[in-house]
Amino acid sequence: MIYEIRFQYEAENDIEDAALWYENQRQGLGKDFLDAVVIH
């Protein structure tokens, strides 16, 4: 079974903000966060 996940606009902003925060903590950590959160 395949599921499709859609994020609300506000959730997308929160995810982007979190990725920027993680990236400021350590280079590459923001990308790691996005890879873990966003399913491609």
PDB file of N, CA and C in Angstrom:
ATOM      1  N   MET A   1       0.845  -1.169   0.000  1.00  0.00           N
ATOM      2  CA  MET A   1       0.000   0.000   0.000  1.00  0.00           C
ATOM      3  C   MET A   1       0.897   1.241   0.000  1.00  0.00           C
ATOM      4  N   ILE A   2       0.563   2.213  -0.808  1.00  0.00           N
ATOM      5  CA  ILE A   2       1.326   3.447  -0.918  1.00  0.00           C
ATOM      6  C   ILE A   2       0.488   4.599  -0.353  1.00  0.00           C
ATOM      7  N   TYR A   3       1.126   5.397   0.493  1.00  0.00           N
ATOM      8  CA  TYR A   3       0.465   6.559   1.083  1.00  0.00           C
ATOM      9  C   TYR A   3       1.116   7.828   0.548  1.00  0.00           C
ATOM     10  N   GLU A   4       0.323   8.851   0.394  1.00  0.00           N
ATOM     11  CA  GLU A   4       0.835  10.155  -0.003  1.00  0.00           C
ATOM     12  C   GLU A   4       0.691  11.100   1.181  1.00  0.00           C
ATOM     13  N   ILE A   5       1.790  11.763   1.510  1.00  0.00           N
ATOM     14  CA  ILE A   5       1.771  12.706   2.619  1.00  0.00           C
ATOM     15  C   ILE A   5       1.836  14.117   2.054  1.00  0.00           C
ATOM     16  N   ARG A   6       0.930  14.958   2.491  1.00  0.00           N
ATOM     17  CA  ARG A   6       0.924  16.363   2.078  1.00  0.00           C
ATOM     18  C   ARG A   6       1.045  17.220   3.324  1.00  0.00           C
ATOM     19  N   PHE A   7       1.968  18.177   3.275  1.00  0.00           N
ATOM     20  CA  PHE A   7       2.169  19.072   4.404  1.00  0.00           C
ATOM     21  C   PHE A   7       1.379  20.352   4.187  1.00  0.00           C
ATOM     22  N   GLN A   8       0.798  20.854   5.261  1.00  0.00           N
ATOM     23  CA  GLN A   8       0.173  22.161   5.227  1.00  0.00           C
ATOM     24  C   GLN A   8       1.264  23.212   5.024  1.00  0.00           C
ATOM     25  N   TYR A   9       0.887  24.355   4.486  1.00  0.00           N
ATOM     26  CA  TYR A   9       1.839  25.437   4.244  1.00  0.00           C
ATOM     27  C   TYR A   9       2.583  25.801   5.522  1.00  0.00           C
ATOM     28  N   GLU A  10       1.866  25.894   6.637  1.00  0.00           N
ATOM     29  CA  GLU A  10       2.480  26.265   7.911  1.00  0.00           C
ATOM     30  C   GLU A  10       3.489  25.210   8.356  1.00  0.00           C
ATOM     31  N   ALA A  11       3.178  23.959   8.140  1.00  0.00           N
ATOM     32  CA  ALA A  11       4.089  22.880   8.520  1.00  0.00           C
ATOM     33  C   ALA A  11       5.358  22.934   7.676  1.00  0.00           C
ATOM     34  N   GLU A  12       5.219  23.255   6.397  1.00  0.00           N
ATOM     35  CA  GLU A  12       6.396  23.386   5.539  1.00  0.00           C
ATOM     36  C   GLU A  12       7.321  24.480   6.075  1.00  0.00           C
ATOM     37  N   ASN A  13       6.741  25.594   6.504  1.00  0.00           N
ATOM     38  CA  ASN A  13       7.543  26.684   7.074  1.00  0.00           C
ATOM     39  C   ASN A  13       8.251  26.230   8.342  1.00  0.00           C
ATOM     40  N   ASP A  14       7.554  25.498   9.188  1.00  0.00           N
ATOM     41  CA  ASP A  14       8.162  25.001  10.422  1.00  0.00           C
ATOM     42  C   ASP A  14       9.313  24.051  10.123  1.00  0.00           C
ATOM     43  N   ILE A  15       9.143  23.199   9.136  1.00  0.00           N
ATOM     44  CA  ILE A  15      10.190  22.253   8.752  1.00  0.00           C
ATOM     45  C   ILE A  15      11.400  23.002   8.206  1.00  0.00           C
ATOM     46  N   GLU A  16      11.162  24.007   7.377  1.00  0.00           N
ATOM     47  CA  GLU A  16      12.271  24.810   6.839  1.00  0.00           C
ATOM     48  C   GLU A  16      13.008  25.551   7.957  1.00  0.00           C
ATOM     49  N   ASP A  17      12.255  26.123   8.892  1.00  0.00           N
ATOM     50  CA  ASP A  17      12.877  26.822  10.026  1.00  0.00           C
ATOM     51  C   ASP A  17      13.725  25.870  10.856  1.00  0.00           C
ATOM     52  N   ALA A  18      13.201  24.682  11.099  1.00  0.00           N
ATOM     53  CA  ALA A  18      13.942  23.691  11.881  1.00  0.00           C
ATOM     54  C   ALA A  18      15.211  23.276  11.144  1.00  0.00           C
ATOM     55  N   ALA A  19      15.126  23.086   9.832  1.00  0.00           N
ATOM     56  CA  ALA A  19      16.303  22.700   9.049  1.00  0.00           C
ATOM     57  C   ALA A  19      17.373  23.785   9.118  1.00  0.00           C
ATOM     58  N   LEU A  20      16.969  25.048   9.053  1.00  0.00           N
ATOM     59  CA  LEU A  20      17.932  26.146   9.166  1.00  0.00           C
ATOM     60  C   LEU A  20      18.578  26.172  10.541  1.00  0.00           C
ATOM     61  N   TRP A  21      17.784  25.918  11.583  1.00  0.00           N
ATOM     62  CA  TRP A  21      18.319  25.893  12.941  1.00  0.00           C
ATOM     63  C   TRP A  21      19.354  24.780  13.070  1.00  0.00           C
ATOM     64  N   TYR A  22      19.009  23.586  12.586  1.00  0.00           N
ATOM     65  CA  TYR A  22      19.953  22.467  12.642  1.00  0.00           C
ATOM     66  C   TYR A  22      21.215  22.762  11.839  1.00  0.00           C
ATOM     67  N   GLU A  23      21.064  23.376  10.700  1.00  0.00           N
ATOM     68  CA  GLU A  23      22.221  23.704   9.865  1.00  0.00           C
ATOM     69  C   GLU A  23      23.139  24.687  10.584  1.00  0.00           C
ATOM     70  N   ASN A  24      22.566  25.612  11.359  1.00  0.00           N
ATOM     71  CA  ASN A  24      23.369  26.553  12.132  1.00  0.00           C
ATOM     72  C   ASN A  24      24.101  25.870  13.289  1.00  0.00           C
ATOM     73  N   GLN A  25      23.585  24.731  13.726  1.00  0.00           N
ATOM     74  CA  GLN A  25      24.245  23.993  14.799  1.00  0.00           C
ATOM     75  C   GLN A  25      25.478  23.258  14.268  1.00  0.00           C
ATOM     76  N   ARG A  26      25.326  22.684  13.068  1.00  0.00           N
ATOM     77  CA  ARG A  26      26.437  21.967  12.444  1.00  0.00           C
ATOM     78  C   ARG A  26      26.167  21.844  10.952  1.00  0.00           C
ATOM     79  N   GLN A  27      27.167  22.145  10.148  1.00  0.00           N
ATOM     80  CA  GLN A  27      27.012  22.083   8.702  1.00  0.00           C
ATOM     81  C   GLN A  27      26.621  20.670   8.274  1.00  0.00           C
ATOM     82  N   GLY A  28      25.587  20.584   7.466  1.00  0.00           N
ATOM     83  CA  GLY A  28      25.101  19.304   6.965  1.00  0.00           C
ATOM     84  C   GLY A  28      23.977  18.718   7.798  1.00  0.00           C
ATOM     85  N   LEU A  29      23.815  19.191   9.030  1.00  0.00           N
ATOM     86  CA  LEU A  29      22.776  18.648   9.903  1.00  0.00           C
ATOM     87  C   LEU A  29      21.381  19.029   9.416  1.00  0.00           C
ATOM     88  N   GLY A  30      21.246  20.201   8.824  1.00  0.00           N
ATOM     89  CA  GLY A  30      19.954  20.606   8.267  1.00  0.00           C
ATOM     90  C   GLY A  30      19.514  19.681   7.152  1.00  0.00           C
ATOM     91  N   LYS A  31      20.448  19.295   6.295  1.00  0.00           N
ATOM     92  CA  LYS A  31      20.132  18.355   5.210  1.00  0.00           C
ATOM     93  C   LYS A  31      19.756  16.998   5.786  1.00  0.00           C
ATOM     94  N   ASP A  32      20.505  16.557   6.797  1.00  0.00           N
ATOM     95  CA  ASP A  32      20.179  15.284   7.437  1.00  0.00           C
ATOM     96  C   ASP A  32      18.771  15.316   8.016  1.00  0.00           C
ATOM     97  N   PHE A  33      18.412  16.451   8.620  1.00  0.00           N
ATOM     98  CA  PHE A  33      17.069  16.608   9.172  1.00  0.00           C
ATOM     99  C   PHE A  33      16.017  16.498   8.072  1.00  0.00           C
ATOM    100  N   LEU A  34      16.223  17.221   6.978  1.00  0.00           N
ATOM    101  CA  LEU A  34      15.250  17.178   5.876  1.00  0.00           C
ATOM    102  C   LEU A  34      15.143  15.782   5.292  1.00  0.00           C
ATOM    103  N   ASP A  35      16.265  15.089   5.167  1.00  0.00           N
ATOM    104  CA  ASP A  35      16.240  13.731   4.648  1.00  0.00           C
ATOM    105  C   ASP A  35      15.410  12.809   5.545  1.00  0.00           C
ATOM    106  N   ALA A  36      15.466  13.046   6.855  1.00  0.00           N
ATOM    107  CA  ALA A  36      14.724  12.218   7.800  1.00  0.00           C
ATOM    108  C   ALA A  36      13.240  12.562   7.807  1.00  0.00           C
ATOM    109  N   VAL A  37      12.902  13.818   7.564  1.00  0.00           N
ATOM    110  CA  VAL A  37      11.517  14.270   7.660  1.00  0.00           C
ATOM    111  C   VAL A  37      10.759  14.104   6.348  1.00  0.00           C
ATOM    112  N   VAL A  38      11.381  14.466   5.253  1.00  0.00           N
ATOM    113  CA  VAL A  38      10.714  14.473   3.956  1.00  0.00           C
ATOM    114  C   VAL A  38      10.986  13.145   3.248  1.00  0.00           C
ATOM    115  N   ILE A  39       9.927  12.475   2.910  1.00  0.00           N
ATOM    116  CA  ILE A  39      10.032  11.197   2.193  1.00  0.00           C
ATOM    117  C   ILE A  39      10.002  11.484   0.700  1.00  0.00           C
ATOM    118  N   HIS A  40      11.013  11.042   0.007  1.00  0.00           N
ATOM    119  CA  HIS A  40      11.080  11.281  -1.449  1.00  0.00           C
ATOM    120  C   HIS A  40      10.502  10.120  -2.207  1.00  0.00           C
TER     121      HIS A  40
END
